[in-house]
């Protein structure tokens, strides 16, 4: 999806709602952008590609951001089974055993396709 950059999250969600683009296509476009720009920016420190794909296959909840991938800041947003370093070497091997309220109560009901990566910026 070449025009991915032209839309904000609500615009992308509207495209999904209208069936003009699928959540998989948005995820692929977002991952391509990360692959293109992250070597220079070094902002994405962990990728959750497989998790995001599983969430899409399992069916996404309805919500304002249904089908829109997003980045999680590497700070307090715990996702069960995924690393969270808080931007510190002290926690570089920490793996959360639970989801934080942010990832369940705040991001979950929004119906996005889930976090595609974790960002340190």
PDB file of N, CA and C in Angstrom:
ATOM      1  N   UNK A   1       0.838  -1.176   0.000  1.00  0.00           N
ATOM      2  CA  UNK A   1       0.000   0.000   0.000  1.00  0.00           C
ATOM      3  C   UNK A   1       0.882   1.237   0.000  1.00  0.00           C
ATOM      4  N   UNK A   2       1.075   1.810  -1.129  1.00  0.00           N
ATOM      5  CA  UNK A   2       2.006   2.926  -1.280  1.00  0.00           C
ATOM      6  C   UNK A   2       1.517   4.203  -0.618  1.00  0.00           C
ATOM      7  N   UNK A   3       0.213   4.367  -0.520  1.00  0.00           N
ATOM      8  CA  UNK A   3      -0.316   5.598   0.068  1.00  0.00           C
ATOM      9  C   UNK A   3      -0.437   5.526   1.590  1.00  0.00           C
ATOM     10  N   UNK A   4       0.131   4.520   2.208  1.00  0.00           N
ATOM     11  CA  UNK A   4       0.070   4.317   3.663  1.00  0.00           C
ATOM     12  C   UNK A   4       0.425   5.585   4.433  1.00  0.00           C
ATOM     13  N   UNK A   5       1.429   6.294   4.007  1.00  0.00           N
ATOM     14  CA  UNK A   5       1.902   7.478   4.718  1.00  0.00           C
ATOM     15  C   UNK A   5       0.921   8.639   4.666  1.00  0.00           C
ATOM     16  N   UNK A   6       0.007   8.635   3.750  1.00  0.00           N
ATOM     17  CA  UNK A   6      -0.912   9.760   3.584  1.00  0.00           C
ATOM     18  C   UNK A   6      -2.031   9.779   4.627  1.00  0.00           C
ATOM     19  N   UNK A   7      -2.213   8.701   5.361  1.00  0.00           N
ATOM     20  CA  UNK A   7      -3.335   8.577   6.283  1.00  0.00           C
ATOM     21  C   UNK A   7      -2.884   8.576   7.733  1.00  0.00           C
ATOM     22  N   UNK A   8      -3.742   9.102   8.612  1.00  0.00           N
ATOM     23  CA  UNK A   8      -3.530   8.917  10.041  1.00  0.00           C
ATOM     24  C   UNK A   8      -4.207   7.600  10.429  1.00  0.00           C
ATOM     25  N   UNK A   9      -4.182   7.255  11.721  1.00  0.00           N
ATOM     26  CA  UNK A   9      -4.729   5.968  12.161  1.00  0.00           C
ATOM     27  C   UNK A   9      -6.222   5.846  11.881  1.00  0.00           C
ATOM     28  N   UNK A  10      -6.970   6.912  12.077  1.00  0.00           N
ATOM     29  CA  UNK A  10      -8.406   6.841  11.799  1.00  0.00           C
ATOM     30  C   UNK A  10      -8.674   6.679  10.309  1.00  0.00           C
ATOM     31  N   UNK A  11      -7.874   7.327   9.480  1.00  0.00           N
ATOM     32  CA  UNK A  11      -8.015   7.172   8.036  1.00  0.00           C
ATOM     33  C   UNK A  11      -7.738   5.755   7.590  1.00  0.00           C
ATOM     34  N   UNK A  12      -6.696   5.142   8.179  1.00  0.00           N
ATOM     35  CA  UNK A  12      -6.378   3.750   7.851  1.00  0.00           C
ATOM     36  C   UNK A  12      -7.488   2.821   8.320  1.00  0.00           C
ATOM     37  N   UNK A  13      -8.016   3.081   9.508  1.00  0.00           N
ATOM     38  CA  UNK A  13      -9.115   2.257  10.023  1.00  0.00           C
ATOM     39  C   UNK A  13     -10.346   2.370   9.123  1.00  0.00           C
ATOM     40  N   UNK A  14     -10.585   3.542   8.591  1.00  0.00           N
ATOM     41  CA  UNK A  14     -11.717   3.736   7.676  1.00  0.00           C
ATOM     42  C   UNK A  14     -11.528   2.911   6.400  1.00  0.00           C
ATOM     43  N   UNK A  15     -10.302   2.855   5.892  1.00  0.00           N
ATOM     44  CA  UNK A  15     -10.020   2.022   4.720  1.00  0.00           C
ATOM     45  C   UNK A  15     -10.297   0.557   5.011  1.00  0.00           C
ATOM     46  N   UNK A  16      -9.944   0.097   6.210  1.00  0.00           N
ATOM     47  CA  UNK A  16     -10.225  -1.284   6.608  1.00  0.00           C
ATOM     48  C   UNK A  16     -11.730  -1.493   6.691  1.00  0.00           C
ATOM     49  N   UNK A  17     -12.435  -0.575   7.335  1.00  0.00           N
ATOM     50  CA  UNK A  17     -13.887  -0.681   7.482  1.00  0.00           C
ATOM     51  C   UNK A  17     -14.597  -0.778   6.136  1.00  0.00           C
ATOM     52  N   UNK A  18     -14.099  -0.015   5.157  1.00  0.00           N
ATOM     53  CA  UNK A  18     -14.704  -0.016   3.817  1.00  0.00           C
ATOM     54  C   UNK A  18     -14.265  -1.207   2.973  1.00  0.00           C
ATOM     55  N   UNK A  19     -13.305  -1.981   3.465  1.00  0.00           N
ATOM     56  CA  UNK A  19     -12.812  -3.130   2.714  1.00  0.00           C
ATOM     57  C   UNK A  19     -11.834  -2.763   1.606  1.00  0.00           C
ATOM     58  N   UNK A  20     -11.321  -1.537   1.635  1.00  0.00           N
ATOM     59  CA  UNK A  20     -10.374  -1.095   0.611  1.00  0.00           C
ATOM     60  C   UNK A  20      -8.960  -1.607   0.871  1.00  0.00           C
ATOM     61  N   UNK A  21      -8.701  -2.008   2.094  1.00  0.00           N
ATOM     62  CA  UNK A  21      -7.411  -2.572   2.468  1.00  0.00           C
ATOM     63  C   UNK A  21      -7.660  -3.536   3.629  1.00  0.00           C
ATOM     64  N   UNK A  22      -6.844  -4.555   3.738  1.00  0.00           N
ATOM     65  CA  UNK A  22      -7.006  -5.522   4.828  1.00  0.00           C
ATOM     66  C   UNK A  22      -6.018  -5.206   5.956  1.00  0.00           C
ATOM     67  N   UNK A  23      -6.302  -5.683   7.161  1.00  0.00           N
ATOM     68  CA  UNK A  23      -5.338  -5.515   8.247  1.00  0.00           C
ATOM     69  C   UNK A  23      -3.976  -6.119   7.904  1.00  0.00           C
ATOM     70  N   UNK A  24      -3.970  -7.223   7.170  1.00  0.00           N
ATOM     71  CA  UNK A  24      -2.704  -7.848   6.764  1.00  0.00           C
ATOM     72  C   UNK A  24      -1.895  -6.917   5.862  1.00  0.00           C
ATOM     73  N   UNK A  25      -2.589  -6.250   4.952  1.00  0.00           N
ATOM     74  CA  UNK A  25      -1.894  -5.326   4.057  1.00  0.00           C
ATOM     75  C   UNK A  25      -1.317  -4.146   4.830  1.00  0.00           C
ATOM     76  N   UNK A  26      -2.060  -3.639   5.807  1.00  0.00           N
ATOM     77  CA  UNK A  26      -1.535  -2.542   6.630  1.00  0.00           C
ATOM     78  C   UNK A  26      -0.338  -2.999   7.446  1.00  0.00           C
ATOM     79  N   UNK A  27      -0.426  -4.196   7.999  1.00  0.00           N
ATOM     80  CA  UNK A  27       0.701  -4.732   8.762  1.00  0.00           C
ATOM     81  C   UNK A  27       1.925  -4.882   7.876  1.00  0.00           C
ATOM     82  N   UNK A  28       1.761  -5.448   6.684  1.00  0.00           N
ATOM     83  CA  UNK A  28       2.887  -5.602   5.761  1.00  0.00           C
ATOM     84  C   UNK A  28       3.500  -4.252   5.397  1.00  0.00           C
ATOM     85  N   UNK A  29       2.647  -3.251   5.161  1.00  0.00           N
ATOM     86  CA  UNK A  29       3.148  -1.918   4.813  1.00  0.00           C
ATOM     87  C   UNK A  29       3.916  -1.304   5.978  1.00  0.00           C
ATOM     88  N   UNK A  30       3.384  -1.457   7.183  1.00  0.00           N
ATOM     89  CA  UNK A  30       4.058  -0.904   8.360  1.00  0.00           C
ATOM     90  C   UNK A  30       5.394  -1.600   8.594  1.00  0.00           C
ATOM     91  N   UNK A  31       5.417  -2.911   8.463  1.00  0.00           N
ATOM     92  CA  UNK A  31       6.668  -3.655   8.643  1.00  0.00           C
ATOM     93  C   UNK A  31       7.707  -3.273   7.585  1.00  0.00           C
ATOM     94  N   UNK A  32       7.249  -3.035   6.364  1.00  0.00           N
ATOM     95  CA  UNK A  32       8.163  -2.605   5.301  1.00  0.00           C
ATOM     96  C   UNK A  32       8.783  -1.258   5.645  1.00  0.00           C
ATOM     97  N   UNK A  33       7.974  -0.352   6.191  1.00  0.00           N
ATOM     98  CA  UNK A  33       8.484   0.974   6.582  1.00  0.00           C
ATOM     99  C   UNK A  33       9.508   0.839   7.714  1.00  0.00           C
ATOM    100  N   UNK A  34       9.225  -0.031   8.667  1.00  0.00           N
ATOM    101  CA  UNK A  34      10.178  -0.263   9.757  1.00  0.00           C
ATOM    102  C   UNK A  34      11.487  -0.794   9.191  1.00  0.00           C
ATOM    103  N   UNK A  35      11.404  -1.764   8.293  1.00  0.00           N
ATOM    104  CA  UNK A  35      12.615  -2.342   7.701  1.00  0.00           C
ATOM    105  C   UNK A  35      13.412  -1.314   6.910  1.00  0.00           C
ATOM    106  N   UNK A  36      12.724  -0.413   6.244  1.00  0.00           N
ATOM    107  CA  UNK A  36      13.390   0.611   5.444  1.00  0.00           C
ATOM    108  C   UNK A  36      14.063   1.666   6.306  1.00  0.00           C
ATOM    109  N   UNK A  37      13.389   2.140   7.332  1.00  0.00           N
ATOM    110  CA  UNK A  37      13.870   3.301   8.083  1.00  0.00           C
ATOM    111  C   UNK A  37      14.570   2.987   9.405  1.00  0.00           C
ATOM    112  N   UNK A  38      14.314   1.831   9.976  1.00  0.00           N
ATOM    113  CA  UNK A  38      14.901   1.558  11.283  1.00  0.00           C
ATOM    114  C   UNK A  38      16.419   1.438  11.286  1.00  0.00           C
ATOM    115  N   UNK A  39      17.054   0.932  10.228  1.00  0.00           N
ATOM    116  CA  UNK A  39      18.524   0.879  10.290  1.00  0.00           C
ATOM    117  C   UNK A  39      19.163   2.247  10.568  1.00  0.00           C
ATOM    118  N   UNK A  40      18.569   3.304  10.044  1.00  0.00           N
ATOM    119  CA  UNK A  40      19.104   4.643  10.279  1.00  0.00           C
ATOM    120  C   UNK A  40      18.602   5.228  11.601  1.00  0.00           C
ATOM    121  N   UNK A  41      17.324   4.997  11.927  1.00  0.00           N
ATOM    122  CA  UNK A  41      16.728   5.591  13.120  1.00  0.00           C
ATOM    123  C   UNK A  41      17.033   4.828  14.408  1.00  0.00           C
ATOM    124  N   UNK A  42      17.147   3.519  14.301  1.00  0.00           N
ATOM    125  CA  UNK A  42      17.344   2.651  15.461  1.00  0.00           C
ATOM    126  C   UNK A  42      16.278   2.912  16.526  1.00  0.00           C
ATOM    127  N   UNK A  43      15.039   3.010  16.117  1.00  0.00           N
ATOM    128  CA  UNK A  43      13.942   3.300  17.042  1.00  0.00           C
ATOM    129  C   UNK A  43      13.168   2.048  17.435  1.00  0.00           C
ATOM    130  N   UNK A  44      13.121   1.045  16.575  1.00  0.00           N
ATOM    131  CA  UNK A  44      12.383  -0.181  16.860  1.00  0.00           C
ATOM    132  C   UNK A  44      13.356  -1.211  17.417  1.00  0.00           C
ATOM    133  N   UNK A  45      13.132  -1.594  18.668  1.00  0.00           N
ATOM    134  CA  UNK A  45      14.070  -2.484  19.346  1.00  0.00           C
ATOM    135  C   UNK A  45      13.604  -3.926  19.416  1.00  0.00           C
ATOM    136  N   UNK A  46      12.305  -4.165  19.209  1.00  0.00           N
ATOM    137  CA  UNK A  46      11.751  -5.521  19.184  1.00  0.00           C
ATOM    138  C   UNK A  46      10.601  -5.547  18.189  1.00  0.00           C
ATOM    139  N   UNK A  47      10.470  -6.679  17.501  1.00  0.00           N
ATOM    140  CA  UNK A  47       9.361  -6.822  16.543  1.00  0.00           C
ATOM    141  C   UNK A  47       8.424  -7.916  17.017  1.00  0.00           C
ATOM    142  N   UNK A  48       7.129  -7.670  16.873  1.00  0.00           N
ATOM    143  CA  UNK A  48       6.096  -8.621  17.273  1.00  0.00           C
ATOM    144  C   UNK A  48       5.305  -9.087  16.053  1.00  0.00           C
ATOM    145  N   UNK A  49       5.973  -9.297  14.945  1.00  0.00           N
ATOM    146  CA  UNK A  49       5.285  -9.615  13.692  1.00  0.00           C
ATOM    147  C   UNK A  49       4.392 -10.846  13.809  1.00  0.00           C
ATOM    148  N   UNK A  50       4.922 -11.926  14.349  1.00  0.00           N
ATOM    149  CA  UNK A  50       4.127 -13.158  14.428  1.00  0.00           C
ATOM    150  C   UNK A  50       2.925 -12.987  15.340  1.00  0.00           C
ATOM    151  N   UNK A  51       3.109 -12.287  16.446  1.00  0.00           N
ATOM    152  CA  UNK A  51       1.990 -12.029  17.355  1.00  0.00           C
ATOM    153  C   UNK A  51       0.901 -11.235  16.640  1.00  0.00           C
ATOM    154  N   UNK A  52       1.287 -10.198  15.926  1.00  0.00           N
ATOM    155  CA  UNK A  52       0.311  -9.369  15.203  1.00  0.00           C
ATOM    156  C   UNK A  52      -0.434 -10.208  14.160  1.00  0.00           C
ATOM    157  N   UNK A  53       0.295 -11.072  13.452  1.00  0.00           N
ATOM    158  CA  UNK A  53      -0.356 -11.924  12.446  1.00  0.00           C
ATOM    159  C   UNK A  53      -1.338 -12.907  13.098  1.00  0.00           C
ATOM    160  N   UNK A  54      -0.970 -13.455  14.245  1.00  0.00           N
ATOM    161  CA  UNK A  54      -1.881 -14.365  14.964  1.00  0.00           C
ATOM    162  C   UNK A  54      -3.154 -13.627  15.384  1.00  0.00           C
ATOM    163  N   UNK A  55      -2.985 -12.383  15.868  1.00  0.00           N
ATOM    164  CA  UNK A  55      -4.148 -11.611  16.298  1.00  0.00           C
ATOM    165  C   UNK A  55      -5.083 -11.334  15.119  1.00  0.00           C
ATOM    166  N   UNK A  56      -4.514 -11.049  13.967  1.00  0.00           N
ATOM    167  CA  UNK A  56      -5.341 -10.808  12.779  1.00  0.00           C
ATOM    168  C   UNK A  56      -6.090 -12.086  12.401  1.00  0.00           C
ATOM    169  N   UNK A  57      -5.374 -13.213  12.359  1.00  0.00           N
ATOM    170  CA  UNK A  57      -6.009 -14.487  11.990  1.00  0.00           C
ATOM    171  C   UNK A  57      -7.106 -14.885  12.976  1.00  0.00           C
ATOM    172  N   UNK A  58      -6.915 -14.557  14.261  1.00  0.00           N
ATOM    173  CA  UNK A  58      -7.892 -14.921  15.293  1.00  0.00           C
ATOM    174  C   UNK A  58      -9.152 -14.070  15.216  1.00  0.00           C
ATOM    175  N   UNK A  59      -9.075 -12.967  14.510  1.00  0.00           N
ATOM    176  CA  UNK A  59     -10.223 -12.069  14.405  1.00  0.00           C
ATOM    177  C   UNK A  59     -10.048 -10.868  15.311  1.00  0.00           C
ATOM    178  N   UNK A  60     -10.226  -9.712  14.749  1.00  0.00           N
ATOM    179  CA  UNK A  60     -10.012  -8.479  15.494  1.00  0.00           C
ATOM    180  C   UNK A  60     -11.315  -7.947  16.064  1.00  0.00           C
ATOM    181  N   UNK A  61     -11.251  -7.385  17.271  1.00  0.00           N
ATOM    182  CA  UNK A  61     -12.468  -6.795  17.833  1.00  0.00           C
ATOM    183  C   UNK A  61     -12.835  -5.513  17.091  1.00  0.00           C
ATOM    184  N   UNK A  62     -14.107  -5.169  17.142  1.00  0.00           N
ATOM    185  CA  UNK A  62     -14.527  -3.910  16.546  1.00  0.00           C
ATOM    186  C   UNK A  62     -14.013  -2.762  17.399  1.00  0.00           C
ATOM    187  N   UNK A  63     -13.770  -1.642  16.774  1.00  0.00           N
ATOM    188  CA  UNK A  63     -13.315  -0.459  17.487  1.00  0.00           C
ATOM    189  C   UNK A  63     -12.836   0.582  16.504  1.00  0.00           C
ATOM    190  N   UNK A  64     -12.535   1.748  17.015  1.00  0.00           N
ATOM    191  CA  UNK A  64     -12.143   2.878  16.169  1.00  0.00           C
ATOM    192  C   UNK A  64     -10.880   2.611  15.363  1.00  0.00           C
ATOM    193  N   UNK A  65      -9.972   1.793  15.880  1.00  0.00           N
ATOM    194  CA  UNK A  65      -8.696   1.556  15.204  1.00  0.00           C
ATOM    195  C   UNK A  65      -8.558   0.121  14.688  1.00  0.00           C
ATOM    196  N   UNK A  66      -9.659  -0.527  14.438  1.00  0.00           N
ATOM    197  CA  UNK A  66      -9.634  -1.922  13.993  1.00  0.00           C
ATOM    198  C   UNK A  66      -8.753  -2.081  12.764  1.00  0.00           C
ATOM    199  N   UNK A  67      -7.765  -2.992  12.873  1.00  0.00           N
ATOM    200  CA  UNK A  67      -6.904  -3.317  11.753  1.00  0.00           C
ATOM    201  C   UNK A  67      -5.678  -2.443  11.599  1.00  0.00           C
ATOM    202  N   UNK A  68      -5.487  -1.461  12.478  1.00  0.00           N
ATOM    203  CA  UNK A  68      -4.355  -0.534  12.354  1.00  0.00           C
ATOM    204  C   UNK A  68      -3.216  -0.990  13.266  1.00  0.00           C
ATOM    205  N   UNK A  69      -2.058  -1.315  12.709  1.00  0.00           N
ATOM    206  CA  UNK A  69      -0.906  -1.700  13.547  1.00  0.00           C
ATOM    207  C   UNK A  69      -0.318  -0.478  14.240  1.00  0.00           C
ATOM    208  N   UNK A  70       0.374  -0.720  15.349  1.00  0.00           N
ATOM    209  CA  UNK A  70       0.970   0.385  16.091  1.00  0.00           C
ATOM    210  C   UNK A  70       2.255  -0.059  16.771  1.00  0.00           C
ATOM    211  N   UNK A  71       3.030   0.911  17.236  1.00  0.00           N
ATOM    212  CA  UNK A  71       4.243   0.658  18.009  1.00  0.00           C
ATOM    213  C   UNK A  71       3.940   0.870  19.484  1.00  0.00           C
ATOM    214  N   UNK A  72       4.560   0.069  20.331  1.00  0.00           N
ATOM    215  CA  UNK A  72       4.484   0.262  21.773  1.00  0.00           C
ATOM    216  C   UNK A  72       5.797   0.861  22.245  1.00  0.00           C
ATOM    217  N   UNK A  73       5.726   1.865  23.066  1.00  0.00           N
ATOM    218  CA  UNK A  73       6.918   2.430  23.687  1.00  0.00           C
ATOM    219  C   UNK A  73       7.481   1.395  24.657  1.00  0.00           C
ATOM    220  N   UNK A  74       8.796   1.258  24.697  1.00  0.00           N
ATOM    221  CA  UNK A  74       9.451   0.292  25.573  1.00  0.00           C
ATOM    222  C   UNK A  74       9.480   0.826  27.004  1.00  0.00           C
ATOM    223  N   UNK A  75       8.285   1.054  27.540  1.00  0.00           N
ATOM    224  CA  UNK A  75       8.182   1.645  28.873  1.00  0.00           C
ATOM    225  C   UNK A  75       6.797   1.357  29.442  1.00  0.00           C
ATOM    226  N   UNK A  76       6.690   0.456  30.372  1.00  0.00           N
ATOM    227  CA  UNK A  76       5.478   0.152  31.131  1.00  0.00           C
ATOM    228  C   UNK A  76       4.360  -0.551  30.382  1.00  0.00           C
ATOM    229  N   UNK A  77       4.387  -0.660  29.088  1.00  0.00           N
ATOM    230  CA  UNK A  77       3.318  -1.338  28.352  1.00  0.00           C
ATOM    231  C   UNK A  77       3.666  -2.817  28.235  1.00  0.00           C
ATOM    232  N   UNK A  78       3.223  -3.595  29.222  1.00  0.00           N
ATOM    233  CA  UNK A  78       3.562  -5.006  29.251  1.00  0.00           C
ATOM    234  C   UNK A  78       2.659  -5.820  28.343  1.00  0.00           C
ATOM    235  N   UNK A  79       3.275  -6.743  27.613  1.00  0.00           N
ATOM    236  CA  UNK A  79       2.560  -7.683  26.758  1.00  0.00           C
ATOM    237  C   UNK A  79       3.046  -9.068  27.171  1.00  0.00           C
ATOM    238  N   UNK A  80       2.130  -9.899  27.644  1.00  0.00           N
ATOM    239  CA  UNK A  80       2.491 -11.227  28.143  1.00  0.00           C
ATOM    240  C   UNK A  80       3.319 -11.996  27.123  1.00  0.00           C
ATOM    241  N   UNK A  81       4.440 -12.538  27.574  1.00  0.00           N
ATOM    242  CA  UNK A  81       5.297 -13.339  26.724  1.00  0.00           C
ATOM    243  C   UNK A  81       6.292 -12.554  25.891  1.00  0.00           C
ATOM    244  N   UNK A  82       6.280 -11.238  26.006  1.00  0.00           N
ATOM    245  CA  UNK A  82       7.195 -10.397  25.216  1.00  0.00           C
ATOM    246  C   UNK A  82       8.154  -9.654  26.144  1.00  0.00           C
ATOM    247  N   UNK A  83       9.342  -9.381  25.614  1.00  0.00           N
ATOM    248  CA  UNK A  83      10.348  -8.645  26.384  1.00  0.00           C
ATOM    249  C   UNK A  83       9.917  -7.198  26.597  1.00  0.00           C
ATOM    250  N   UNK A  84      10.369  -6.650  27.711  1.00  0.00           N
ATOM    251  CA  UNK A  84      10.170  -5.239  28.044  1.00  0.00           C
ATOM    252  C   UNK A  84      11.416  -4.802  28.800  1.00  0.00           C
ATOM    253  N   UNK A  85      12.217  -3.956  28.193  1.00  0.00           N
ATOM    254  CA  UNK A  85      13.496  -3.582  28.815  1.00  0.00           C
ATOM    255  C   UNK A  85      13.466  -2.235  29.507  1.00  0.00           C
ATOM    256  N   UNK A  86      12.398  -1.487  29.376  1.00  0.00           N
ATOM    257  CA  UNK A  86      12.329  -0.141  29.954  1.00  0.00           C
ATOM    258  C   UNK A  86      13.475   0.736  29.459  1.00  0.00           C
ATOM    259  N   UNK A  87      14.045   0.390  28.311  1.00  0.00           N
ATOM    260  CA  UNK A  87      15.159   1.148  27.762  1.00  0.00           C
ATOM    261  C   UNK A  87      16.441   1.006  28.557  1.00  0.00           C
ATOM    262  N   UNK A  88      16.559  -0.046  29.349  1.00  0.00           N
ATOM    263  CA  UNK A  88      17.708  -0.214  30.237  1.00  0.00           C
ATOM    264  C   UNK A  88      18.327  -1.599  30.089  1.00  0.00           C
ATOM    265  N   UNK A  89      19.631  -1.668  30.148  1.00  0.00           N
ATOM    266  CA  UNK A  89      20.306  -2.975  30.110  1.00  0.00           C
ATOM    267  C   UNK A  89      19.974  -3.807  31.336  1.00  0.00           C
ATOM    268  N   UNK A  90      19.641  -3.147  32.429  1.00  0.00           N
ATOM    269  CA  UNK A  90      19.280  -3.851  33.656  1.00  0.00           C
ATOM    270  C   UNK A  90      18.100  -4.803  33.433  1.00  0.00           C
ATOM    271  N   UNK A  91      17.168  -4.411  32.560  1.00  0.00           N
ATOM    272  CA  UNK A  91      15.960  -5.208  32.306  1.00  0.00           C
ATOM    273  C   UNK A  91      15.958  -5.875  30.931  1.00  0.00           C
ATOM    274  N   UNK A  92      17.083  -5.931  30.247  1.00  0.00           N
ATOM    275  CA  UNK A  92      17.102  -6.393  28.864  1.00  0.00           C
ATOM    276  C   UNK A  92      16.583  -7.810  28.666  1.00  0.00           C
ATOM    277  N   UNK A  93      16.559  -8.637  29.715  1.00  0.00           N
ATOM    278  CA  UNK A  93      16.075 -10.013  29.575  1.00  0.00           C
ATOM    279  C   UNK A  93      14.720 -10.235  30.246  1.00  0.00           C
ATOM    280  N   UNK A  94      14.111  -9.162  30.726  1.00  0.00           N
ATOM    281  CA  UNK A  94      12.821  -9.279  31.387  1.00  0.00           C
ATOM    282  C   UNK A  94      11.737  -9.619  30.372  1.00  0.00           C
ATOM    283  N   UNK A  95      10.951 -10.652  30.663  1.00  0.00           N
ATOM    284  CA  UNK A  95       9.801 -11.035  29.841  1.00  0.00           C
ATOM    285  C   UNK A  95       8.570 -10.964  30.736  1.00  0.00           C
ATOM    286  N   UNK A  96       7.603 -10.199  30.326  1.00  0.00           N
ATOM    287  CA  UNK A  96       6.389 -10.015  31.115  1.00  0.00           C
ATOM    288  C   UNK A  96       5.549 -11.285  31.113  1.00  0.00           C
ATOM    289  N   UNK A  97       4.971 -11.601  32.260  1.00  0.00           N
ATOM    290  CA  UNK A  97       4.084 -12.763  32.332  1.00  0.00           C
ATOM    291  C   UNK A  97       2.608 -12.343  32.300  1.00  0.00           C
ATOM    292  N   UNK A  98       2.371 -11.061  32.112  1.00  0.00           N
ATOM    293  CA  UNK A  98       1.004 -10.550  32.093  1.00  0.00           C
ATOM    294  C   UNK A  98       0.893  -9.349  31.150  1.00  0.00           C
ATOM    295  N   UNK A  99      -0.315  -9.030  30.764  1.00  0.00           N
ATOM    296  CA  UNK A  99      -0.570  -7.809  29.996  1.00  0.00           C
ATOM    297  C   UNK A  99      -0.877  -6.686  30.978  1.00  0.00           C
ATOM    298  N   UNK A 100      -0.356  -5.510  30.728  1.00  0.00           N
ATOM    299  CA  UNK A 100      -0.672  -4.363  31.569  1.00  0.00           C
ATOM    300  C   UNK A 100      -2.045  -3.813  31.199  1.00  0.00           C
ATOM    301  N   UNK A 101      -2.594  -2.954  32.042  1.00  0.00           N
ATOM    302  CA  UNK A 101      -3.889  -2.342  31.749  1.00  0.00           C
ATOM    303  C   UNK A 101      -3.840  -1.581  30.433  1.00  0.00           C
ATOM    304  N   UNK A 102      -2.716  -0.947  30.154  1.00  0.00           N
ATOM    305  CA  UNK A 102      -2.592  -0.190  28.910  1.00  0.00           C
ATOM    306  C   UNK A 102      -2.842  -1.078  27.701  1.00  0.00           C
ATOM    307  N   UNK A 103      -2.265  -2.271  27.696  1.00  0.00           N
ATOM    308  CA  UNK A 103      -2.391  -3.131  26.523  1.00  0.00           C
ATOM    309  C   UNK A 103      -3.729  -3.856  26.453  1.00  0.00           C
ATOM    310  N   UNK A 104      -4.421  -4.027  27.578  1.00  0.00           N
ATOM    311  CA  UNK A 104      -5.708  -4.722  27.535  1.00  0.00           C
ATOM    312  C   UNK A 104      -6.879  -3.752  27.546  1.00  0.00           C
ATOM    313  N   UNK A 105      -6.944  -2.888  28.542  1.00  0.00           N
ATOM    314  CA  UNK A 105      -8.098  -1.995  28.690  1.00  0.00           C
ATOM    315  C   UNK A 105      -8.059  -0.818  27.728  1.00  0.00           C
ATOM    316  N   UNK A 106      -6.884  -0.359  27.385  1.00  0.00           N
ATOM    317  CA  UNK A 106      -6.785   0.831  26.553  1.00  0.00           C
ATOM    318  C   UNK A 106      -6.596   0.502  25.068  1.00  0.00           C
ATOM    319  N   UNK A 107      -5.702  -0.401  24.750  1.00  0.00           N
ATOM    320  CA  UNK A 107      -5.422  -0.704  23.347  1.00  0.00           C
ATOM    321  C   UNK A 107      -6.297  -1.824  22.811  1.00  0.00           C
ATOM    322  N   UNK A 108      -6.599  -2.812  23.632  1.00  0.00           N
ATOM    323  CA  UNK A 108      -7.410  -3.933  23.188  1.00  0.00           C
ATOM    324  C   UNK A 108      -8.780  -3.549  22.656  1.00  0.00           C
ATOM    325  N   UNK A 109      -9.583  -2.795  23.424  1.00  0.00           N
ATOM    326  CA  UNK A 109     -10.911  -2.437  22.940  1.00  0.00           C
ATOM    327  C   UNK A 109     -10.888  -1.533  21.712  1.00  0.00           C
ATOM    328  N   UNK A 110      -9.757  -0.887  21.446  1.00  0.00           N
ATOM    329  CA  UNK A 110      -9.667  -0.047  20.262  1.00  0.00           C
ATOM    330  C   UNK A 110      -9.689  -0.853  18.984  1.00  0.00           C
ATOM    331  N   UNK A 111      -9.477  -2.149  19.118  1.00  0.00           N
ATOM    332  CA  UNK A 111      -9.597  -3.030  17.977  1.00  0.00           C
ATOM    333  C   UNK A 111      -8.506  -2.909  16.947  1.00  0.00           C
ATOM    334  N   UNK A 112      -7.330  -2.483  17.340  1.00  0.00           N
ATOM    335  CA  UNK A 112      -6.233  -2.447  16.380  1.00  0.00           C
ATOM    336  C   UNK A 112      -5.824  -3.874  16.081  1.00  0.00           C
ATOM    337  N   UNK A 113      -4.829  -4.063  15.246  1.00  0.00           N
ATOM    338  CA  UNK A 113      -4.361  -5.434  14.999  1.00  0.00           C
ATOM    339  C   UNK A 113      -3.241  -5.764  15.941  1.00  0.00           C
ATOM    340  N   UNK A 114      -2.968  -4.924  16.890  1.00  0.00           N
ATOM    341  CA  UNK A 114      -1.951  -5.220  17.877  1.00  0.00           C
ATOM    342  C   UNK A 114      -0.614  -4.574  17.553  1.00  0.00           C
ATOM    343  N   UNK A 115       0.225  -4.649  18.543  1.00  0.00           N
ATOM    344  CA  UNK A 115       1.550  -4.040  18.418  1.00  0.00           C
ATOM    345  C   UNK A 115       2.366  -4.812  17.403  1.00  0.00           C
ATOM    346  N   UNK A 116       2.986  -4.093  16.483  1.00  0.00           N
ATOM    347  CA  UNK A 116       3.860  -4.751  15.529  1.00  0.00           C
ATOM    348  C   UNK A 116       5.296  -4.712  16.008  1.00  0.00           C
ATOM    349  N   UNK A 117       5.636  -3.767  16.876  1.00  0.00           N
ATOM    350  CA  UNK A 117       6.996  -3.608  17.359  1.00  0.00           C
ATOM    351  C   UNK A 117       6.998  -2.842  18.664  1.00  0.00           C
ATOM    352  N   UNK A 118       8.167  -2.829  19.290  1.00  0.00           N
ATOM    353  CA  UNK A 118       8.388  -2.019  20.469  1.00  0.00           C
ATOM    354  C   UNK A 118       9.426  -0.973  20.117  1.00  0.00           C
ATOM    355  N   UNK A 119       9.156   0.260  20.508  1.00  0.00           N
ATOM    356  CA  UNK A 119      10.003   1.394  20.140  1.00  0.00           C
ATOM    357  C   UNK A 119      10.705   1.975  21.354  1.00  0.00           C
ATOM    358  N   UNK A 120      11.938   2.436  21.161  1.00  0.00           N
ATOM    359  CA  UNK A 120      12.653   3.082  22.245  1.00  0.00           C
ATOM    360  C   UNK A 120      12.595   4.597  22.117  1.00  0.00           C
ATOM    361  N   UNK A 121      11.852   5.129  21.175  1.00  0.00           N
ATOM    362  CA  UNK A 121      11.776   6.581  20.975  1.00  0.00           C
ATOM    363  C   UNK A 121      10.354   7.062  21.067  1.00  0.00           C
TER     364      UNK A 121
END
